[in-house]
Amino acid sequence: MNRDADHLRLLSIFHFVYAALIAFYASFGLIYIGMGTFMMPMLQSEIKNEVKKQQAAAKAAKAKEEADATVVNEDGSKTEIGADDASDQAGPAAPNAGSGPAVGPTAPPEAVFSFMSWIMVFMGTVTIVLGFFFAFANAFAGRCLVVRKHRLLCLLVAGFNCVNVPLGTILGIFTLIVLLRPSVENLFAGVIEAE
């Protein structure tokens, strides 16, 4: 019986330590929330600047195209030629003729970056909420092990801990081994064995 009490005390300490580790790692979700909140608007402003550069390049190419449509005669006078005359003088049409100047790939719309920002905030929030839920569950199970109440809850938390490899698995297995002993079950039930 003394051995069972020592094992329960050790398991409660390990549950408290594991709860602190889970809470610490869950706090990394704040990084995702920060990135989604602060870094994506900066990317959006860079995208706006890139779109403005592309529009300026398109305007410059259009102005050059209009300048090319003017022919300088031998006597120095300038004559504008229409689209039909320009195609006659230029020879066969290029594959992109009439489609405007070719400017590099266009930037994705701002909605994509806004969506990515919300995804990062959502993932960070889910990480924090679930992490702190499991941290609280482990801390509460540790407290229940100390006061020897809510054995079923302790078994459920031990089962969920088995999924968290490697520390949670070790803690969960040892908690299940100890809590499934008939002598420990009697301790939780309040039955005192005669020695």
Protein backbone atom coordinates (compact mmCIF):
# COMPACT_ATOMS: atom_id res chain seq x y z
CA MET A 1 0.00 0.00 0.00
CA ASN A 2 2.87 2.35 0.77
CA ARG A 3 4.33 1.48 -2.62
CA ASP A 4 1.04 2.43 -4.32
CA ALA A 5 0.95 5.78 -2.51
CA ASP A 6 4.54 6.48 -3.61
CA HIS A 7 3.70 5.59 -7.21
CA LEU A 8 0.63 7.84 -7.17
CA ARG A 9 2.69 10.71 -5.73
CA LEU A 10 5.35 10.28 -8.43
CA LEU A 11 2.73 10.06 -11.16
CA SER A 12 1.08 13.25 -9.92
CA ILE A 13 4.44 15.07 -10.05
CA PHE A 14 5.05 13.79 -13.59
CA HIS A 15 1.55 14.90 -14.63
CA PHE A 16 2.25 18.42 -13.34
CA VAL A 17 5.60 18.54 -15.16
CA TYR A 18 4.05 17.20 -18.36
CA ALA A 19 1.25 19.77 -18.10
CA ALA A 20 3.85 22.54 -17.89
CA LEU A 21 5.66 21.15 -20.97
CA ILE A 22 2.42 21.00 -22.96
CA ALA A 23 1.55 24.58 -21.98
CA PHE A 24 5.03 25.73 -22.97
CA TYR A 25 4.84 24.09 -26.40
CA ALA A 26 1.27 25.30 -26.92
CA SER A 27 2.55 28.85 -26.46
CA PHE A 28 4.40 28.53 -29.77
CA GLY A 29 0.99 29.06 -31.39
CA LEU A 30 1.52 32.74 -30.55
CA ILE A 31 4.23 32.79 -33.23
CA TYR A 32 1.69 31.78 -35.87
CA ILE A 33 -0.80 34.32 -34.64
CA GLY A 34 1.91 37.01 -34.73
CA MET A 35 3.02 36.05 -38.23
CA GLY A 36 -0.54 36.03 -39.51
CA THR A 37 -1.36 39.33 -37.86
CA PHE A 38 1.76 41.36 -38.58
CA MET A 39 3.75 39.87 -41.46
CA MET A 40 1.01 39.32 -44.03
CA PRO A 41 -0.01 43.00 -44.24
CA MET A 42 3.64 43.81 -44.98
CA LEU A 43 3.57 41.26 -47.81
CA GLN A 44 0.38 42.84 -49.08
CA SER A 45 2.07 46.24 -49.31
CA GLU A 46 4.97 44.65 -51.22
CA ILE A 47 2.46 43.09 -53.62
CA LYS A 48 0.82 46.48 -54.15
CA ASN A 49 4.23 48.01 -54.95
CA GLU A 50 4.96 45.19 -57.42
CA VAL A 51 1.60 45.69 -59.14
CA LYS A 52 2.30 49.44 -59.43
CA LYS A 53 5.69 48.68 -61.03
CA GLN A 54 4.04 46.33 -63.50
CA GLN A 55 1.42 48.93 -64.38
CA ALA A 56 4.14 51.56 -64.90
CA ALA A 57 6.06 49.13 -67.14
CA ALA A 58 2.88 48.46 -69.14
CA LYS A 59 2.32 52.21 -69.61
CA ALA A 60 5.92 52.69 -70.74
CA ALA A 61 5.61 49.82 -73.22
CA LYS A 62 2.39 51.30 -74.59
CA ALA A 63 4.04 54.72 -75.00
CA LYS A 64 6.95 53.06 -76.83
CA GLU A 65 4.54 51.23 -79.07
CA GLU A 66 2.82 54.51 -79.96
CA ALA A 67 6.19 56.11 -80.66
CA ASP A 68 7.11 53.22 -82.96
CA ALA A 69 3.92 53.79 -84.91
CA THR A 70 5.31 57.17 -86.05
CA VAL A 71 7.53 57.04 -89.17
CA VAL A 72 10.12 59.72 -89.94
CA ASN A 73 10.16 60.54 -93.68
CA GLU A 74 13.29 61.36 -95.71
CA ASP A 75 12.58 65.06 -95.52
CA GLY A 76 12.37 64.91 -91.65
CA SER A 77 8.61 65.12 -91.39
CA LYS A 78 6.79 62.63 -89.17
CA THR A 79 3.90 60.56 -90.41
CA GLU A 80 1.67 58.44 -88.22
CA ILE A 81 0.71 55.15 -89.65
CA GLY A 82 -2.36 53.18 -88.71
CA ALA A 83 -2.40 49.64 -87.43
CA ASP A 84 -2.86 48.25 -90.97
CA ASP A 85 0.07 50.25 -92.35
CA ALA A 86 2.29 49.29 -89.41
CA SER A 87 1.59 45.62 -89.93
CA ASP A 88 2.41 45.98 -93.64
CA GLN A 89 5.76 47.62 -92.88
CA ALA A 90 6.61 45.35 -89.96
CA GLY A 91 6.10 42.19 -91.95
CA PRO A 92 4.38 39.09 -90.52
CA ALA A 93 2.58 39.63 -87.25
CA ALA A 94 4.08 38.40 -84.03
CA PRO A 95 2.16 35.71 -82.11
CA ASN A 96 1.14 38.21 -79.40
CA ALA A 97 0.26 41.04 -81.78
CA GLY A 98 -2.55 43.19 -80.46
CA SER A 99 -2.50 41.60 -77.01
CA GLY A 100 -0.52 44.41 -75.40
CA PRO A 101 2.94 44.43 -73.99
CA ALA A 102 4.25 41.30 -72.36
CA VAL A 103 4.86 42.08 -68.71
CA GLY A 104 6.13 39.43 -66.27
CA PRO A 105 3.79 37.24 -64.26
CA THR A 106 1.17 39.14 -62.33
CA ALA A 107 1.08 39.04 -58.57
CA PRO A 108 -1.58 36.95 -56.86
CA PRO A 109 -4.57 38.89 -55.61
CA GLU A 110 -4.57 40.33 -52.12
CA ALA A 111 -7.37 37.95 -51.14
CA VAL A 112 -4.91 35.04 -51.25
CA PHE A 113 -2.60 36.72 -48.75
CA SER A 114 -5.51 37.74 -46.57
CA PHE A 115 -6.71 34.11 -46.59
CA MET A 116 -3.22 32.89 -45.68
CA SER A 117 -3.12 35.37 -42.83
CA TRP A 118 -6.40 34.08 -41.43
CA ILE A 119 -5.24 30.46 -41.80
CA MET A 120 -2.12 31.21 -39.77
CA VAL A 121 -4.14 32.98 -37.07
CA PHE A 122 -6.61 30.07 -36.99
CA MET A 123 -3.87 27.43 -36.72
CA GLY A 124 -2.14 29.36 -33.93
CA THR A 125 -5.40 29.73 -32.04
CA VAL A 126 -6.24 26.03 -32.37
CA THR A 127 -2.74 25.10 -31.19
CA ILE A 128 -3.06 27.31 -28.12
CA VAL A 129 -6.59 26.23 -27.21
CA LEU A 130 -5.97 22.49 -27.60
CA GLY A 131 -2.57 22.68 -25.94
CA PHE A 132 -3.84 24.51 -22.90
CA PHE A 133 -6.85 22.18 -22.69
CA PHE A 134 -4.57 19.13 -22.53
CA ALA A 135 -2.24 20.93 -20.12
CA PHE A 136 -5.17 21.69 -17.81
CA ALA A 137 -6.42 18.09 -18.12
CA ASN A 138 -3.00 16.75 -17.10
CA ALA A 139 -2.68 19.18 -14.20
CA PHE A 140 -6.18 18.28 -13.00
CA ALA A 141 -5.40 14.57 -13.32
CA GLY A 142 -2.23 15.16 -11.28
CA ARG A 143 -4.32 16.83 -8.58
CA CYS A 144 -6.83 13.95 -8.68
CA LEU A 145 -4.00 11.46 -8.21
CA VAL A 146 -2.88 13.35 -5.09
CA VAL A 147 -6.34 13.42 -3.50
CA ARG A 148 -7.25 9.98 -4.91
CA LYS A 149 -10.50 11.00 -6.58
CA HIS A 150 -11.90 10.76 -10.13
CA ARG A 151 -10.04 7.58 -11.11
CA LEU A 152 -11.96 7.31 -14.41
CA LEU A 153 -10.87 10.83 -15.41
CA CYS A 154 -7.25 9.92 -14.63
CA LEU A 155 -7.60 6.81 -16.81
CA LEU A 156 -9.01 8.89 -19.69
CA VAL A 157 -6.19 11.44 -19.46
CA ALA A 158 -3.67 8.59 -19.35
CA GLY A 159 -5.26 7.15 -22.51
CA PHE A 160 -5.03 10.50 -24.32
CA ASN A 161 -1.43 10.89 -23.16
CA CYS A 162 -0.53 7.61 -24.88
CA VAL A 163 -1.06 9.36 -28.24
CA ASN A 164 1.62 12.00 -27.51
CA VAL A 165 4.86 10.26 -28.39
CA PRO A 166 7.30 9.82 -26.60
CA LEU A 167 6.80 11.48 -23.19
CA GLY A 168 3.02 11.25 -23.15
CA THR A 169 3.17 7.58 -24.15
CA ILE A 170 5.54 6.74 -21.31
CA LEU A 171 3.50 8.69 -18.75
CA GLY A 172 0.21 7.27 -20.04
CA ILE A 173 1.37 3.67 -19.95
CA PHE A 174 2.79 3.93 -16.43
CA THR A 175 -0.34 5.72 -15.24
CA LEU A 176 -2.53 2.98 -16.69
CA ILE A 177 -0.37 0.26 -15.14
CA VAL A 178 -0.60 1.84 -11.68
CA LEU A 179 -4.29 2.81 -11.83
CA LEU A 180 -5.41 -0.63 -13.02
CA ARG A 181 -3.98 -2.37 -9.95
CA PRO A 182 -6.72 -3.65 -7.62
CA SER A 183 -4.91 -2.17 -4.60
CA VAL A 184 -4.87 1.32 -6.19
CA GLU A 185 -8.53 0.93 -7.13
CA ASN A 186 -9.22 0.29 -3.44
CA LEU A 187 -7.27 3.43 -2.51
CA PHE A 188 -9.49 5.51 -4.82
CA ALA A 189 -12.60 3.81 -3.43
CA GLY A 190 -11.53 4.64 0.11
CA VAL A 191 -11.16 1.03 1.15
CA ILE A 192 -8.27 0.50 3.56
CA GLU A 193 -6.69 -2.92 3.41
CA ALA A 194 -5.89 -4.70 6.63
CA GLU A 195 -2.21 -5.35 7.04
